[in-house]
């Protein structure tokens, strides 16, 4: 069974997969390899490997999603990569929000004693 993947290739343009002593070398554009063992093929298909039909459908979906995102960005006047991200603004009333605190609670600026007080017996809940 011929399987395809969109995982990144090594510098030499191949992707090597080893399963239980068998070695499969995915190469080409897109990365593809013939997997003879059906059990290995099913194991790979459970991961990031697809048949030719599944791979073509996924590539078509990704291309359409990118085109749709570019159209939406053009309508909004934003760059495609900036959609869906939060970019906080600094207004005149937001300057005091950046206090640079430690994140620790400030109980009346008292120094911690290092000991924990135990609850009295009367406040213990029994049930």
N, C-alpha and C. Protein backbone atom coordinates (compact mmCIF):
# COMPACT_ATOMS: atom_id res chain seq x y z
N UNK A 1 0.85 -1.16 0.00
CA UNK A 1 0.00 0.00 0.00
C UNK A 1 0.91 1.23 0.00
N UNK A 2 0.63 2.17 -0.86
CA UNK A 2 1.43 3.39 -0.94
C UNK A 2 0.86 4.40 0.05
N UNK A 3 1.73 4.87 0.94
CA UNK A 3 1.33 5.84 1.95
C UNK A 3 2.06 7.16 1.73
N UNK A 4 1.40 8.24 2.09
CA UNK A 4 1.94 9.59 1.96
C UNK A 4 1.95 10.26 3.33
N UNK A 5 2.79 11.28 3.47
CA UNK A 5 2.82 12.05 4.70
C UNK A 5 3.20 13.49 4.41
N UNK A 6 2.77 14.38 5.29
CA UNK A 6 3.16 15.79 5.19
C UNK A 6 4.13 16.16 6.30
N UNK A 7 4.67 15.16 6.99
CA UNK A 7 5.69 15.41 8.01
C UNK A 7 6.93 16.00 7.35
N UNK A 8 7.70 16.80 8.07
CA UNK A 8 8.90 17.39 7.46
C UNK A 8 9.97 16.34 7.19
N UNK A 9 10.66 16.50 6.07
CA UNK A 9 11.73 15.58 5.68
C UNK A 9 13.05 16.02 6.30
N UNK A 10 14.01 15.12 6.28
CA UNK A 10 15.36 15.45 6.72
C UNK A 10 16.02 16.34 5.67
N UNK A 11 17.25 16.75 5.94
CA UNK A 11 17.96 17.62 5.00
C UNK A 11 18.16 16.95 3.65
N UNK A 12 18.28 15.62 3.64
CA UNK A 12 18.49 14.92 2.36
C UNK A 12 17.18 14.64 1.63
N UNK A 13 16.05 15.11 2.16
CA UNK A 13 14.76 14.97 1.48
C UNK A 13 14.04 13.66 1.74
N UNK A 14 14.48 12.91 2.74
CA UNK A 14 13.83 11.64 3.05
C UNK A 14 13.29 11.66 4.47
N UNK A 15 12.40 10.72 4.74
CA UNK A 15 11.87 10.50 6.08
C UNK A 15 11.95 9.00 6.33
N UNK A 16 12.67 8.60 7.35
CA UNK A 16 12.87 7.18 7.64
C UNK A 16 11.98 6.79 8.81
N UNK A 17 11.20 5.70 8.61
CA UNK A 17 10.32 5.18 9.64
C UNK A 17 10.71 3.74 9.90
N UNK A 18 10.90 3.40 11.17
CA UNK A 18 11.25 2.02 11.54
C UNK A 18 10.14 1.46 12.42
N UNK A 19 9.61 0.29 12.01
CA UNK A 19 8.57 -0.39 12.78
C UNK A 19 8.97 -1.85 12.91
N UNK A 20 9.21 -2.29 14.14
CA UNK A 20 9.49 -3.70 14.44
C UNK A 20 10.50 -4.32 13.48
N UNK A 21 11.62 -3.67 13.30
CA UNK A 21 12.68 -4.21 12.45
C UNK A 21 12.57 -3.84 10.98
N UNK A 22 11.43 -3.38 10.53
CA UNK A 22 11.27 -2.98 9.13
C UNK A 22 11.57 -1.49 9.00
N UNK A 23 12.23 -1.12 7.92
CA UNK A 23 12.57 0.27 7.66
C UNK A 23 11.88 0.73 6.39
N UNK A 24 11.18 1.85 6.49
CA UNK A 24 10.49 2.43 5.34
C UNK A 24 11.07 3.82 5.11
N UNK A 25 11.46 4.09 3.88
CA UNK A 25 12.05 5.38 3.53
C UNK A 25 11.06 6.13 2.65
N UNK A 26 10.52 7.21 3.19
CA UNK A 26 9.60 8.07 2.46
C UNK A 26 10.43 9.12 1.75
N UNK A 27 10.23 9.26 0.44
CA UNK A 27 10.99 10.23 -0.34
C UNK A 27 10.12 10.78 -1.45
N UNK A 28 10.60 11.83 -2.07
CA UNK A 28 9.87 12.46 -3.16
C UNK A 28 9.10 13.67 -2.68
N UNK A 29 8.36 14.24 -3.59
CA UNK A 29 7.54 15.41 -3.27
C UNK A 29 6.15 15.14 -3.75
N UNK A 30 5.18 14.81 -2.97
CA UNK A 30 5.18 14.67 -1.51
C UNK A 30 5.86 13.39 -1.08
N UNK A 31 6.20 13.31 0.20
CA UNK A 31 6.87 12.13 0.74
C UNK A 31 5.96 10.91 0.63
N UNK A 32 6.45 9.85 -0.02
CA UNK A 32 5.65 8.64 -0.23
C UNK A 32 6.53 7.41 -0.13
N UNK A 33 5.90 6.27 0.21
CA UNK A 33 6.62 5.01 0.30
C UNK A 33 5.63 3.86 0.16
N UNK A 34 6.07 2.75 -0.45
CA UNK A 34 5.26 1.54 -0.52
C UNK A 34 5.49 0.72 0.74
N UNK A 35 4.41 0.43 1.46
CA UNK A 35 4.47 -0.37 2.68
C UNK A 35 3.80 -1.69 2.37
N UNK A 36 4.60 -2.77 2.38
CA UNK A 36 4.07 -4.09 2.00
C UNK A 36 3.29 -4.75 3.13
N UNK A 37 3.73 -4.60 4.35
CA UNK A 37 3.11 -5.25 5.50
C UNK A 37 1.81 -4.52 5.86
N UNK A 38 0.67 -5.21 5.81
CA UNK A 38 -0.63 -4.59 6.09
C UNK A 38 -0.72 -4.08 7.53
N UNK A 39 -0.15 -4.84 8.47
CA UNK A 39 -0.19 -4.42 9.88
C UNK A 39 0.60 -3.13 10.07
N UNK A 40 1.75 -3.02 9.40
CA UNK A 40 2.55 -1.80 9.49
C UNK A 40 1.81 -0.63 8.83
N UNK A 41 1.15 -0.91 7.71
CA UNK A 41 0.40 0.14 7.01
C UNK A 41 -0.73 0.66 7.89
N UNK A 42 -1.45 -0.23 8.56
CA UNK A 42 -2.54 0.20 9.44
C UNK A 42 -2.00 0.98 10.63
N UNK A 43 -0.84 0.56 11.15
CA UNK A 43 -0.22 1.28 12.26
C UNK A 43 0.17 2.70 11.82
N UNK A 44 0.74 2.83 10.64
CA UNK A 44 1.13 4.15 10.14
C UNK A 44 -0.08 5.02 9.83
N UNK A 45 -1.14 4.42 9.31
CA UNK A 45 -2.34 5.19 9.00
C UNK A 45 -3.00 5.73 10.26
N UNK A 46 -2.78 5.11 11.39
CA UNK A 46 -3.32 5.62 12.65
C UNK A 46 -2.58 6.88 13.09
N UNK A 47 -1.40 7.12 12.51
CA UNK A 47 -0.62 8.30 12.84
C UNK A 47 -0.76 9.37 11.78
N UNK A 48 0.36 9.89 11.31
CA UNK A 48 0.37 11.00 10.35
C UNK A 48 0.62 10.53 8.92
N UNK A 49 0.18 9.34 8.59
CA UNK A 49 0.38 8.79 7.25
C UNK A 49 -0.97 8.47 6.65
N UNK A 50 -1.11 8.72 5.33
CA UNK A 50 -2.41 8.59 4.67
C UNK A 50 -2.25 7.89 3.33
N UNK A 51 -3.39 7.35 2.86
CA UNK A 51 -3.41 6.80 1.52
C UNK A 51 -3.41 7.96 0.54
N UNK A 52 -3.29 7.65 -0.74
CA UNK A 52 -3.24 8.71 -1.75
C UNK A 52 -4.52 9.53 -1.77
N UNK A 53 -5.67 8.87 -1.66
CA UNK A 53 -6.95 9.59 -1.68
C UNK A 53 -7.08 10.50 -0.46
N UNK A 54 -6.72 9.97 0.71
CA UNK A 54 -6.81 10.78 1.93
C UNK A 54 -5.84 11.96 1.87
N UNK A 55 -4.64 11.73 1.35
CA UNK A 55 -3.64 12.78 1.26
C UNK A 55 -4.10 13.88 0.31
N UNK A 56 -4.64 13.49 -0.85
CA UNK A 56 -5.14 14.48 -1.81
C UNK A 56 -6.27 15.30 -1.22
N UNK A 57 -7.18 14.64 -0.50
CA UNK A 57 -8.30 15.36 0.13
C UNK A 57 -7.78 16.34 1.18
N UNK A 58 -6.81 15.93 1.97
CA UNK A 58 -6.24 16.80 3.00
C UNK A 58 -5.53 18.00 2.37
N UNK A 59 -4.78 17.77 1.30
CA UNK A 59 -4.08 18.87 0.62
C UNK A 59 -5.08 19.86 0.02
N UNK A 60 -6.16 19.34 -0.56
CA UNK A 60 -7.19 20.20 -1.13
C UNK A 60 -7.84 21.04 -0.03
N UNK A 61 -8.13 20.40 1.11
CA UNK A 61 -8.73 21.12 2.23
C UNK A 61 -7.80 22.23 2.73
N UNK A 62 -6.50 21.93 2.88
CA UNK A 62 -5.54 22.93 3.35
C UNK A 62 -5.43 24.10 2.38
N UNK A 63 -5.44 23.79 1.07
CA UNK A 63 -5.35 24.84 0.06
C UNK A 63 -6.59 25.74 0.11
N UNK A 64 -7.78 25.13 0.21
CA UNK A 64 -9.01 25.91 0.29
C UNK A 64 -9.07 26.74 1.56
N UNK A 65 -8.60 26.19 2.67
CA UNK A 65 -8.58 26.93 3.93
C UNK A 65 -7.66 28.14 3.84
N UNK A 66 -6.51 27.97 3.19
CA UNK A 66 -5.57 29.09 3.03
C UNK A 66 -6.16 30.17 2.13
N UNK A 67 -6.84 29.75 1.05
CA UNK A 67 -7.48 30.72 0.16
C UNK A 67 -8.59 31.47 0.88
N UNK A 68 -9.39 30.74 1.67
CA UNK A 68 -10.48 31.37 2.41
C UNK A 68 -9.93 32.36 3.43
N UNK A 69 -8.86 31.99 4.11
CA UNK A 69 -8.24 32.87 5.09
C UNK A 69 -7.68 34.13 4.42
N UNK A 70 -7.11 33.99 3.23
CA UNK A 70 -6.58 35.15 2.50
C UNK A 70 -7.72 36.08 2.08
N UNK A 71 -8.85 35.50 1.64
CA UNK A 71 -10.00 36.34 1.27
C UNK A 71 -10.55 37.08 2.49
N UNK A 72 -10.67 36.38 3.62
CA UNK A 72 -11.20 37.01 4.82
C UNK A 72 -10.26 38.11 5.31
N UNK A 73 -8.97 37.87 5.21
CA UNK A 73 -8.00 38.87 5.65
C UNK A 73 -8.05 40.10 4.74
N UNK A 74 -8.26 39.88 3.44
CA UNK A 74 -8.36 41.01 2.51
C UNK A 74 -9.59 41.86 2.82
N UNK A 75 -10.68 41.20 3.20
CA UNK A 75 -11.89 41.94 3.56
C UNK A 75 -11.71 42.72 4.86
N UNK A 76 -10.97 42.16 5.79
CA UNK A 76 -10.73 42.82 7.08
C UNK A 76 -9.60 43.83 7.00
N UNK A 77 -8.78 43.75 5.97
CA UNK A 77 -7.64 44.63 5.86
C UNK A 77 -6.48 44.23 6.75
N UNK A 78 -6.43 42.97 7.14
CA UNK A 78 -5.37 42.48 8.01
C UNK A 78 -4.53 41.47 7.26
N UNK A 79 -3.34 41.23 7.79
CA UNK A 79 -2.49 40.17 7.23
C UNK A 79 -3.10 38.82 7.62
N UNK A 80 -3.00 37.81 6.75
CA UNK A 80 -3.61 36.52 7.05
C UNK A 80 -3.12 35.90 8.36
N UNK A 81 -1.87 36.13 8.72
CA UNK A 81 -1.36 35.50 9.94
C UNK A 81 -1.84 36.21 11.20
N UNK A 82 -2.38 37.44 11.07
CA UNK A 82 -2.79 38.17 12.27
C UNK A 82 -4.23 37.90 12.67
N UNK A 83 -4.99 37.22 11.84
CA UNK A 83 -6.38 36.92 12.20
C UNK A 83 -6.42 35.90 13.32
N UNK A 84 -7.35 36.09 14.22
CA UNK A 84 -7.54 35.13 15.29
C UNK A 84 -6.52 35.23 16.40
N UNK A 85 -5.70 36.29 16.41
CA UNK A 85 -4.74 36.46 17.48
C UNK A 85 -5.11 37.69 18.28
N UNK A 86 -4.77 37.68 19.53
CA UNK A 86 -5.06 38.81 20.41
C UNK A 86 -3.84 39.69 20.51
N UNK A 87 -4.02 40.96 20.22
CA UNK A 87 -2.93 41.90 20.38
C UNK A 87 -3.42 43.03 21.28
N UNK A 88 -2.99 43.03 22.54
CA UNK A 88 -3.49 44.03 23.48
C UNK A 88 -2.98 45.41 23.13
N UNK A 89 -3.81 46.40 23.37
CA UNK A 89 -3.44 47.78 23.11
C UNK A 89 -3.16 48.50 24.42
N UNK A 90 -2.35 49.52 24.34
CA UNK A 90 -2.05 50.32 25.52
C UNK A 90 -2.78 51.65 25.37
N UNK A 91 -3.82 51.82 26.12
CA UNK A 91 -4.54 53.08 26.13
C UNK A 91 -4.02 53.97 27.24
N UNK A 92 -4.53 55.19 27.34
CA UNK A 92 -4.04 56.10 28.38
C UNK A 92 -4.37 55.60 29.79
N UNK A 93 -5.42 54.82 29.94
CA UNK A 93 -5.79 54.34 31.27
C UNK A 93 -5.19 52.97 31.58
N UNK A 94 -4.43 52.38 30.68
CA UNK A 94 -3.87 51.06 30.90
C UNK A 94 -2.44 51.09 31.42
N UNK A 95 -1.83 52.26 31.54
CA UNK A 95 -0.43 52.32 31.94
C UNK A 95 -0.21 51.83 33.36
N UNK A 96 -1.19 52.02 34.24
CA UNK A 96 -1.01 51.60 35.63
C UNK A 96 -1.20 50.10 35.81
N UNK A 97 -1.63 49.39 34.78
CA UNK A 97 -1.82 47.95 34.88
C UNK A 97 -0.50 47.20 34.88
N UNK A 98 0.55 47.82 34.43
CA UNK A 98 1.85 47.16 34.34
C UNK A 98 2.67 47.49 35.57
N UNK A 99 2.35 46.85 36.71
CA UNK A 99 3.05 47.18 37.94
C UNK A 99 4.33 46.38 38.12
N UNK A 100 4.53 45.31 37.37
CA UNK A 100 5.75 44.53 37.49
C UNK A 100 5.87 43.82 38.82
N UNK A 101 4.76 43.44 39.41
CA UNK A 101 4.77 42.76 40.71
C UNK A 101 5.35 41.37 40.63
N UNK A 102 5.51 40.76 41.79
CA UNK A 102 6.11 39.44 41.87
C UNK A 102 5.09 38.34 41.67
N UNK A 103 3.82 38.66 41.74
CA UNK A 103 2.79 37.63 41.61
C UNK A 103 2.45 36.99 42.94
N UNK A 104 3.16 37.34 43.99
CA UNK A 104 2.90 36.79 45.32
C UNK A 104 1.85 37.64 46.01
N UNK A 105 1.05 37.05 46.90
CA UNK A 105 0.05 37.84 47.61
C UNK A 105 0.71 38.85 48.55
N UNK A 106 0.07 39.97 48.70
CA UNK A 106 0.61 41.04 49.55
C UNK A 106 -0.36 41.27 50.70
N UNK A 107 -0.22 40.54 51.79
CA UNK A 107 -1.09 40.70 52.94
C UNK A 107 -0.52 41.79 53.84
N UNK A 108 -0.97 42.97 53.65
CA UNK A 108 -0.58 44.12 54.47
C UNK A 108 0.93 44.30 54.53
N UNK A 109 1.60 43.90 53.49
CA UNK A 109 3.06 44.02 53.42
C UNK A 109 3.76 43.39 54.61
N UNK A 110 3.18 42.34 55.17
CA UNK A 110 3.79 41.67 56.32
C UNK A 110 4.74 40.59 55.83
N UNK A 111 5.80 40.40 56.56
CA UNK A 111 6.79 39.38 56.21
C UNK A 111 6.23 38.01 56.57
N UNK A 112 6.47 37.01 55.76
CA UNK A 112 5.97 35.68 56.10
C UNK A 112 6.72 35.11 57.30
N UNK A 113 5.99 34.39 58.15
CA UNK A 113 6.61 33.83 59.36
C UNK A 113 7.19 32.46 59.10
N UNK A 114 6.72 31.77 58.09
CA UNK A 114 7.24 30.46 57.77
C UNK A 114 6.53 29.34 58.50
N UNK A 115 5.58 29.66 59.37
CA UNK A 115 4.87 28.60 60.06
C UNK A 115 3.40 28.67 59.71
N UNK A 116 2.76 27.53 59.71
CA UNK A 116 1.35 27.43 59.39
C UNK A 116 0.58 27.20 60.67
N UNK A 117 -0.45 27.98 60.89
CA UNK A 117 -1.27 27.81 62.09
C UNK A 117 -2.29 26.71 61.85
N UNK A 118 -2.39 25.84 62.82
CA UNK A 118 -3.34 24.74 62.71
C UNK A 118 -4.69 25.19 63.23
N UNK A 119 -5.74 24.63 62.64
CA UNK A 119 -7.09 24.96 63.08
C UNK A 119 -7.36 24.32 64.43
N UNK A 120 -8.20 24.97 65.19
CA UNK A 120 -8.56 24.39 66.48
C UNK A 120 -9.46 23.19 66.27
N UNK A 121 -9.58 22.38 67.30
CA UNK A 121 -10.38 21.18 67.21
C UNK A 121 -11.83 21.48 66.91
N UNK A 122 -12.33 22.56 67.38
CA UNK A 122 -13.74 22.90 67.21
C UNK A 122 -14.06 23.22 65.75
N UNK A 123 -13.07 23.67 64.98
CA UNK A 123 -13.35 24.03 63.59
C UNK A 123 -13.16 22.88 62.63
N UNK A 124 -12.69 21.71 63.11
CA UNK A 124 -12.54 20.54 62.24
C UNK A 124 -13.91 19.98 61.89
N UNK A 125 -14.11 19.62 60.66
CA UNK A 125 -15.37 19.06 60.21
C UNK A 125 -15.28 17.55 60.30
N UNK A 126 -16.22 16.94 60.96
CA UNK A 126 -16.27 15.48 61.04
C UNK A 126 -17.55 15.01 60.39
N UNK A 127 -17.50 13.88 59.80
CA UNK A 127 -18.71 13.47 59.12
C UNK A 127 -18.83 12.07 59.01
